[in-house]
Amino acid sequence: MIDRLQKAGYVRRRPHPDDRRSVVVEAVPDALARIAALYTGFDVRSRRLMDGFTAEQLAAVHAFLVASHENAVQESDLLTK
């Protein structure tokens, strides 16, 4: 997958500063801007949707999403043991 992303110009590889056996994969800034542009409409609609909720409701949604993510990470960790 990294090879395809690099070939398409989305990421680049550079030597790891502390481990000469590995590389660091980093996003190409111009590519990030191109990707962000694809989500402009989604961003506008999402912000409009969030405007219909109170700060407390958004905090509850945020807390749920954070906890769900933590659960998923824990479950994933259990599967790899």
PDB file of N, CA and C in Angstrom:
ATOM      1  N   MET A   1       0.826  -1.183   0.000  1.00  0.00           N
ATOM      2  CA  MET A   1       0.000   0.000   0.000  1.00  0.00           C
ATOM      3  C   MET A   1       0.878   1.258   0.000  1.00  0.00           C
ATOM      4  N   ILE A   2       1.933   1.246   0.804  1.00  0.00           N
ATOM      5  CA  ILE A   2       2.820   2.412   0.867  1.00  0.00           C
ATOM      6  C   ILE A   2       3.442   2.669  -0.500  1.00  0.00           C
ATOM      7  N   ASP A   3       3.815   1.609  -1.200  1.00  0.00           N
ATOM      8  CA  ASP A   3       4.386   1.777  -2.540  1.00  0.00           C
ATOM      9  C   ASP A   3       3.417   2.506  -3.463  1.00  0.00           C
ATOM     10  N   ARG A   4       2.137   2.119  -3.392  1.00  0.00           N
ATOM     11  CA  ARG A   4       1.137   2.767  -4.251  1.00  0.00           C
ATOM     12  C   ARG A   4       0.926   4.221  -3.863  1.00  0.00           C
ATOM     13  N   LEU A   5       0.888   4.498  -2.562  1.00  0.00           N
ATOM     14  CA  LEU A   5       0.732   5.893  -2.120  1.00  0.00           C
ATOM     15  C   LEU A   5       1.934   6.737  -2.524  1.00  0.00           C
ATOM     16  N   GLN A   6       3.116   6.148  -2.435  1.00  0.00           N
ATOM     17  CA  GLN A   6       4.313   6.880  -2.836  1.00  0.00           C
ATOM     18  C   GLN A   6       4.304   7.127  -4.348  1.00  0.00           C
ATOM     19  N   LYS A   7       3.976   6.119  -5.118  1.00  0.00           N
ATOM     20  CA  LYS A   7       3.926   6.262  -6.571  1.00  0.00           C
ATOM     21  C   LYS A   7       2.924   7.331  -6.991  1.00  0.00           C
ATOM     22  N   ALA A   8       1.809   7.440  -6.249  1.00  0.00           N
ATOM     23  CA  ALA A   8       0.779   8.436  -6.558  1.00  0.00           C
ATOM     24  C   ALA A   8       1.141   9.827  -6.032  1.00  0.00           C
ATOM     25  N   GLY A   9       2.233   9.917  -5.252  1.00  0.00           N
ATOM     26  CA  GLY A   9       2.679  11.220  -4.775  1.00  0.00           C
ATOM     27  C   GLY A   9       2.051  11.673  -3.463  1.00  0.00           C
ATOM     28  N   TYR A  10       1.471  10.740  -2.705  1.00  0.00           N
ATOM     29  CA  TYR A  10       0.826  11.104  -1.446  1.00  0.00           C
ATOM     30  C   TYR A  10       1.763  11.027  -0.247  1.00  0.00           C
ATOM     31  N   VAL A  11       2.748  10.136  -0.307  1.00  0.00           N
ATOM     32  CA  VAL A  11       3.696   9.983   0.795  1.00  0.00           C
ATOM     33  C   VAL A  11       5.108   9.904   0.239  1.00  0.00           C
ATOM     34  N   ARG A  12       6.068  10.082   1.143  1.00  0.00           N
ATOM     35  CA  ARG A  12       7.474   9.876   0.779  1.00  0.00           C
ATOM     36  C   ARG A  12       8.149   9.151   1.932  1.00  0.00           C
ATOM     37  N   ARG A  13       9.208   8.447   1.575  1.00  0.00           N
ATOM     38  CA  ARG A  13       9.996   7.734   2.580  1.00  0.00           C
ATOM     39  C   ARG A  13      11.280   8.513   2.819  1.00  0.00           C
ATOM     40  N   ARG A  14      11.693   8.508   4.082  1.00  0.00           N
ATOM     41  CA  ARG A  14      12.991   9.099   4.414  1.00  0.00           C
ATOM     42  C   ARG A  14      13.636   8.211   5.467  1.00  0.00           C
ATOM     43  N   PRO A  15      14.948   8.245   5.557  1.00  0.00           N
ATOM     44  CA  PRO A  15      15.623   7.390   6.536  1.00  0.00           C
ATOM     45  C   PRO A  15      15.193   7.738   7.962  1.00  0.00           C
ATOM     46  N   HIS A  16      15.053   6.723   8.778  1.00  0.00           N
ATOM     47  CA  HIS A  16      14.745   6.940  10.194  1.00  0.00           C
ATOM     48  C   HIS A  16      15.979   7.571  10.838  1.00  0.00           C
ATOM     49  N   PRO A  17      15.790   8.627  11.622  1.00  0.00           N
ATOM     50  CA  PRO A  17      16.955   9.319  12.184  1.00  0.00           C
ATOM     51  C   PRO A  17      17.738   8.499  13.213  1.00  0.00           C
ATOM     52  N   ASP A  18      17.099   7.526  13.839  1.00  0.00           N
ATOM     53  CA  ASP A  18      17.766   6.766  14.900  1.00  0.00           C
ATOM     54  C   ASP A  18      17.963   5.292  14.594  1.00  0.00           C
ATOM     55  N   ASP A  19      17.368   4.817  13.525  1.00  0.00           N
ATOM     56  CA  ASP A  19      17.438   3.392  13.203  1.00  0.00           C
ATOM     57  C   ASP A  19      17.662   3.234  11.711  1.00  0.00           C
ATOM     58  N   ARG A  20      18.882   2.942  11.342  1.00  0.00           N
ATOM     59  CA  ARG A  20      19.204   2.891   9.902  1.00  0.00           C
ATOM     60  C   ARG A  20      18.556   1.718   9.182  1.00  0.00           C
ATOM     61  N   ARG A  21      17.945   0.801   9.938  1.00  0.00           N
ATOM     62  CA  ARG A  21      17.267  -0.336   9.314  1.00  0.00           C
ATOM     63  C   ARG A  21      15.845  -0.011   8.889  1.00  0.00           C
ATOM     64  N   SER A  22      15.332   1.147   9.289  1.00  0.00           N
ATOM     65  CA  SER A  22      13.935   1.464   8.988  1.00  0.00           C
ATOM     66  C   SER A  22      13.824   2.827   8.325  1.00  0.00           C
ATOM     67  N   VAL A  23      12.624   3.090   7.850  1.00  0.00           N
ATOM     68  CA  VAL A  23      12.339   4.372   7.205  1.00  0.00           C
ATOM     69  C   VAL A  23      11.122   5.003   7.870  1.00  0.00           C
ATOM     70  N   VAL A  24      10.999   6.289   7.690  1.00  0.00           N
ATOM     71  CA  VAL A  24       9.828   7.027   8.154  1.00  0.00           C
ATOM     72  C   VAL A  24       8.996   7.359   6.918  1.00  0.00           C
ATOM     73  N   VAL A  25       7.709   7.097   6.994  1.00  0.00           N
ATOM     74  CA  VAL A  25       6.800   7.441   5.902  1.00  0.00           C
ATOM     75  C   VAL A  25       6.062   8.700   6.328  1.00  0.00           C
ATOM     76  N   GLU A  26       6.127   9.728   5.491  1.00  0.00           N
ATOM     77  CA  GLU A  26       5.457  10.982   5.826  1.00  0.00           C
ATOM     78  C   GLU A  26       4.590  11.442   4.668  1.00  0.00           C
ATOM     79  N   ALA A  27       3.519  12.126   5.024  1.00  0.00           N
ATOM     80  CA  ALA A  27       2.601  12.646   4.010  1.00  0.00           C
ATOM     81  C   ALA A  27       3.252  13.818   3.285  1.00  0.00           C
ATOM     82  N   VAL A  28       2.953  13.947   2.014  1.00  0.00           N
ATOM     83  CA  VAL A  28       3.424  15.074   1.210  1.00  0.00           C
ATOM     84  C   VAL A  28       2.416  16.214   1.405  1.00  0.00           C
ATOM     85  N   PRO A  29       2.874  17.375   1.888  1.00  0.00           N
ATOM     86  CA  PRO A  29       1.934  18.464   2.201  1.00  0.00           C
ATOM     87  C   PRO A  29       0.985  18.834   1.059  1.00  0.00           C
ATOM     88  N   ASP A  30       1.478  18.930  -0.164  1.00  0.00           N
ATOM     89  CA  ASP A  30       0.602  19.269  -1.290  1.00  0.00           C
ATOM     90  C   ASP A  30      -0.481  18.209  -1.482  1.00  0.00           C
ATOM     91  N   ALA A  31      -0.124  16.965  -1.239  1.00  0.00           N
ATOM     92  CA  ALA A  31      -1.101  15.887  -1.378  1.00  0.00           C
ATOM     93  C   ALA A  31      -2.175  15.994  -0.304  1.00  0.00           C
ATOM     94  N   LEU A  32      -1.776  16.382   0.911  1.00  0.00           N
ATOM     95  CA  LEU A  32      -2.766  16.570   1.974  1.00  0.00           C
ATOM     96  C   LEU A  32      -3.778  17.639   1.582  1.00  0.00           C
ATOM     97  N   ALA A  33      -3.300  18.698   0.959  1.00  0.00           N
ATOM     98  CA  ALA A  33      -4.204  19.762   0.518  1.00  0.00           C
ATOM     99  C   ALA A  33      -5.171  19.245  -0.546  1.00  0.00           C
ATOM    100  N   ARG A  34      -4.671  18.410  -1.461  1.00  0.00           N
ATOM    101  CA  ARG A  34      -5.553  17.836  -2.491  1.00  0.00           C
ATOM    102  C   ARG A  34      -6.617  16.948  -1.859  1.00  0.00           C
ATOM    103  N   ILE A  35      -6.223  16.163  -0.876  1.00  0.00           N
ATOM    104  CA  ILE A  35      -7.176  15.283  -0.208  1.00  0.00           C
ATOM    105  C   ILE A  35      -8.203  16.098   0.561  1.00  0.00           C
ATOM    106  N   ALA A  36      -7.742  17.117   1.276  1.00  0.00           N
ATOM    107  CA  ALA A  36      -8.658  17.968   2.041  1.00  0.00           C
ATOM    108  C   ALA A  36      -9.701  18.598   1.129  1.00  0.00           C
ATOM    109  N   ALA A  37      -9.304  18.989  -0.063  1.00  0.00           N
ATOM    110  CA  ALA A  37     -10.236  19.607  -1.003  1.00  0.00           C
ATOM    111  C   ALA A  37     -11.375  18.649  -1.367  1.00  0.00           C
ATOM    112  N   LEU A  38     -11.097  17.355  -1.368  1.00  0.00           N
ATOM    113  CA  LEU A  38     -12.139  16.371  -1.688  1.00  0.00           C
ATOM    114  C   LEU A  38     -13.222  16.322  -0.617  1.00  0.00           C
ATOM    115  N   TYR A  39     -12.880  16.749   0.592  1.00  0.00           N
ATOM    116  CA  TYR A  39     -13.811  16.667   1.716  1.00  0.00           C
ATOM    117  C   TYR A  39     -14.478  17.994   2.050  1.00  0.00           C
ATOM    118  N   THR A  40     -14.339  18.994   1.215  1.00  0.00           N
ATOM    119  CA  THR A  40     -14.903  20.308   1.499  1.00  0.00           C
ATOM    120  C   THR A  40     -16.415  20.240   1.706  1.00  0.00           C
ATOM    121  N   GLY A  41     -17.118  19.591   0.826  1.00  0.00           N
ATOM    122  CA  GLY A  41     -18.578  19.483   0.949  1.00  0.00           C
ATOM    123  C   GLY A  41     -18.989  18.738   2.202  1.00  0.00           C
ATOM    124  N   PHE A  42     -18.291  17.668   2.498  1.00  0.00           N
ATOM    125  CA  PHE A  42     -18.570  16.896   3.706  1.00  0.00           C
ATOM    126  C   PHE A  42     -18.350  17.755   4.946  1.00  0.00           C
ATOM    127  N   ASP A  43     -17.285  18.525   4.936  1.00  0.00           N
ATOM    128  CA  ASP A  43     -16.984  19.403   6.071  1.00  0.00           C
ATOM    129  C   ASP A  43     -18.096  20.433   6.274  1.00  0.00           C
ATOM    130  N   VAL A  44     -18.548  21.037   5.199  1.00  0.00           N
ATOM    131  CA  VAL A  44     -19.615  22.033   5.292  1.00  0.00           C
ATOM    132  C   VAL A  44     -20.880  21.400   5.858  1.00  0.00           C
ATOM    133  N   ARG A  45     -21.252  20.236   5.331  1.00  0.00           N
ATOM    134  CA  ARG A  45     -22.464  19.563   5.823  1.00  0.00           C
ATOM    135  C   ARG A  45     -22.312  19.130   7.276  1.00  0.00           C
ATOM    136  N   SER A  46     -21.141  18.663   7.660  1.00  0.00           N
ATOM    137  CA  SER A  46     -20.908  18.242   9.043  1.00  0.00           C
ATOM    138  C   SER A  46     -21.010  19.417  10.001  1.00  0.00           C
ATOM    139  N   ARG A  47     -20.432  20.544   9.621  1.00  0.00           N
ATOM    140  CA  ARG A  47     -20.510  21.734  10.478  1.00  0.00           C
ATOM    141  C   ARG A  47     -21.955  22.221  10.609  1.00  0.00           C
ATOM    142  N   ARG A  48     -22.688  22.153   9.511  1.00  0.00           N
ATOM    143  CA  ARG A  48     -24.103  22.538   9.551  1.00  0.00           C
ATOM    144  C   ARG A  48     -24.879  21.613  10.482  1.00  0.00           C
ATOM    145  N   LEU A  49     -24.586  20.331  10.409  1.00  0.00           N
ATOM    146  CA  LEU A  49     -25.225  19.352  11.277  1.00  0.00           C
ATOM    147  C   LEU A  49     -24.899  19.632  12.745  1.00  0.00           C
ATOM    148  N   MET A  50     -23.630  19.900  13.045  1.00  0.00           N
ATOM    149  CA  MET A  50     -23.224  20.166  14.425  1.00  0.00           C
ATOM    150  C   MET A  50     -23.854  21.435  14.977  1.00  0.00           C
ATOM    151  N   ASP A  51     -24.152  22.381  14.112  1.00  0.00           N
ATOM    152  CA  ASP A  51     -24.801  23.617  14.565  1.00  0.00           C
ATOM    153  C   ASP A  51     -26.166  23.354  15.205  1.00  0.00           C
ATOM    154  N   GLY A  52     -26.772  22.220  14.888  1.00  0.00           N
ATOM    155  CA  GLY A  52     -28.076  21.887  15.439  1.00  0.00           C
ATOM    156  C   GLY A  52     -28.013  21.252  16.824  1.00  0.00           C
ATOM    157  N   PHE A  53     -26.816  21.065  17.364  1.00  0.00           N
ATOM    158  CA  PHE A  53     -26.656  20.446  18.674  1.00  0.00           C
ATOM    159  C   PHE A  53     -26.100  21.455  19.666  1.00  0.00           C
ATOM    160  N   THR A  54     -26.466  21.271  20.921  1.00  0.00           N
ATOM    161  CA  THR A  54     -25.917  22.125  21.971  1.00  0.00           C
ATOM    162  C   THR A  54     -24.490  21.672  22.284  1.00  0.00           C
ATOM    163  N   ALA A  55     -23.764  22.503  22.996  1.00  0.00           N
ATOM    164  CA  ALA A  55     -22.403  22.154  23.403  1.00  0.00           C
ATOM    165  C   ALA A  55     -22.415  20.887  24.260  1.00  0.00           C
ATOM    166  N   GLU A  56     -23.413  20.755  25.106  1.00  0.00           N
ATOM    167  CA  GLU A  56     -23.506  19.573  25.969  1.00  0.00           C
ATOM    168  C   GLU A  56     -23.755  18.307  25.139  1.00  0.00           C
ATOM    169  N   GLN A  57     -24.617  18.412  24.153  1.00  0.00           N
ATOM    170  CA  GLN A  57     -24.882  17.259  23.292  1.00  0.00           C
ATOM    171  C   GLN A  57     -23.628  16.863  22.516  1.00  0.00           C
ATOM    172  N   LEU A  58     -22.918  17.852  22.003  1.00  0.00           N
ATOM    173  CA  LEU A  58     -21.687  17.551  21.272  1.00  0.00           C
ATOM    174  C   LEU A  58     -20.643  16.934  22.192  1.00  0.00           C
ATOM    175  N   ALA A  59     -20.591  17.402  23.438  1.00  0.00           N
ATOM    176  CA  ALA A  59     -19.660  16.813  24.405  1.00  0.00           C
ATOM    177  C   ALA A  59     -19.996  15.351  24.656  1.00  0.00           C
ATOM    178  N   ALA A  60     -21.285  15.033  24.716  1.00  0.00           N
ATOM    179  CA  ALA A  60     -21.705  13.651  24.923  1.00  0.00           C
ATOM    180  C   ALA A  60     -21.329  12.786  23.719  1.00  0.00           C
ATOM    181  N   VAL A  61     -21.537  13.297  22.527  1.00  0.00           N
ATOM    182  CA  VAL A  61     -21.160  12.566  21.315  1.00  0.00           C
ATOM    183  C   VAL A  61     -19.647  12.343  21.306  1.00  0.00           C
ATOM    184  N   HIS A  62     -18.902  13.378  21.634  1.00  0.00           N
ATOM    185  CA  HIS A  62     -17.444  13.274  21.662  1.00  0.00           C
ATOM    186  C   HIS A  62     -16.999  12.217  22.675  1.00  0.00           C
ATOM    187  N   ALA A  63     -17.568  12.255  23.878  1.00  0.00           N
ATOM    188  CA  ALA A  63     -17.209  11.277  24.909  1.00  0.00           C
ATOM    189  C   ALA A  63     -17.508   9.855  24.443  1.00  0.00           C
ATOM    190  N   PHE A  64     -18.642   9.674  23.780  1.00  0.00           N
ATOM    191  CA  PHE A  64     -18.996   8.355  23.262  1.00  0.00           C
ATOM    192  C   PHE A  64     -17.988   7.888  22.214  1.00  0.00           C
ATOM    193  N   LEU A  65     -17.623   8.760  21.299  1.00  0.00           N
ATOM    194  CA  LEU A  65     -16.687   8.382  20.240  1.00  0.00           C
ATOM    195  C   LEU A  65     -15.302   8.065  20.806  1.00  0.00           C
ATOM    196  N   VAL A  66     -14.849   8.849  21.767  1.00  0.00           N
ATOM    197  CA  VAL A  66     -13.543   8.585  22.388  1.00  0.00           C
ATOM    198  C   VAL A  66     -13.572   7.233  23.098  1.00  0.00           C
ATOM    199  N   ALA A  67     -14.617   6.979  23.878  1.00  0.00           N
ATOM    200  CA  ALA A  67     -14.726   5.709  24.598  1.00  0.00           C
ATOM    201  C   ALA A  67     -14.834   4.534  23.622  1.00  0.00           C
ATOM    202  N   SER A  68     -15.565   4.706  22.539  1.00  0.00           N
ATOM    203  CA  SER A  68     -15.694   3.640  21.537  1.00  0.00           C
ATOM    204  C   SER A  68     -14.346   3.342  20.899  1.00  0.00           C
ATOM    205  N   HIS A  69     -13.595   4.380  20.618  1.00  0.00           N
ATOM    206  CA  HIS A  69     -12.260   4.196  20.045  1.00  0.00           C
ATOM    207  C   HIS A  69     -11.360   3.442  21.017  1.00  0.00           C
ATOM    208  N   GLU A  70     -11.399   3.828  22.292  1.00  0.00           N
ATOM    209  CA  GLU A  70     -10.593   3.139  23.303  1.00  0.00           C
ATOM    210  C   GLU A  70     -10.984   1.669  23.404  1.00  0.00           C
ATOM    211  N   ASN A  71     -12.270   1.388  23.348  1.00  0.00           N
ATOM    212  CA  ASN A  71     -12.733  -0.003  23.362  1.00  0.00           C
ATOM    213  C   ASN A  71     -12.196  -0.772  22.164  1.00  0.00           C
ATOM    214  N   ALA A  72     -12.238  -0.157  20.998  1.00  0.00           N
ATOM    215  CA  ALA A  72     -11.759  -0.816  19.782  1.00  0.00           C
ATOM    216  C   ALA A  72     -10.260  -1.094  19.870  1.00  0.00           C
ATOM    217  N   VAL A  73      -9.504  -0.156  20.406  1.00  0.00           N
ATOM    218  CA  VAL A  73      -8.057  -0.353  20.567  1.00  0.00           C
ATOM    219  C   VAL A  73      -7.795  -1.503  21.530  1.00  0.00           C
ATOM    220  N   GLN A  74      -8.507  -1.523  22.643  1.00  0.00           N
ATOM    221  CA  GLN A  74      -8.325  -2.598  23.615  1.00  0.00           C
ATOM    222  C   GLN A  74      -8.673  -3.952  23.008  1.00  0.00           C
ATOM    223  N   GLU A  75      -9.747  -4.007  22.270  1.00  0.00           N
ATOM    224  CA  GLU A  75     -10.158  -5.264  21.630  1.00  0.00           C
ATOM    225  C   GLU A  75      -9.112  -5.699  20.608  1.00  0.00           C
ATOM    226  N   SER A  76      -8.613  -4.765  19.845  1.00  0.00           N
ATOM    227  CA  SER A  76      -7.575  -5.062  18.861  1.00  0.00           C
ATOM    228  C   SER A  76      -6.319  -5.597  19.546  1.00  0.00           C
ATOM    229  N   ASP A  77      -5.962  -4.977  20.666  1.00  0.00           N
ATOM    230  CA  ASP A  77      -4.793  -5.447  21.411  1.00  0.00           C
ATOM    231  C   ASP A  77      -4.990  -6.879  21.894  1.00  0.00           C
ATOM    232  N   LEU A  78      -6.200  -7.213  22.335  1.00  0.00           N
ATOM    233  CA  LEU A  78      -6.478  -8.579  22.791  1.00  0.00           C
ATOM    234  C   LEU A  78      -6.356  -9.582  21.656  1.00  0.00           C
ATOM    235  N   LEU A  79      -6.739  -9.172  20.461  1.00  0.00           N
ATOM    236  CA  LEU A  79      -6.675 -10.080  19.313  1.00  0.00           C
ATOM    237  C   LEU A  79      -5.253 -10.363  18.872  1.00  0.00           C
ATOM    238  N   THR A  80      -4.338  -9.480  19.189  1.00  0.00           N
ATOM    239  CA  THR A  80      -2.956  -9.656  18.740  1.00  0.00           C
ATOM    240  C   THR A  80      -2.081 -10.341  19.789  1.00  0.00           C
ATOM    241  N   LYS A  81      -2.674 -10.728  20.912  1.00  0.00           N
ATOM    242  CA  LYS A  81      -1.884 -11.415  21.962  1.00  0.00           C
ATOM    243  C   LYS A  81      -1.904 -12.895  21.774  1.00  0.00           C
TER     244      LYS A  81
END
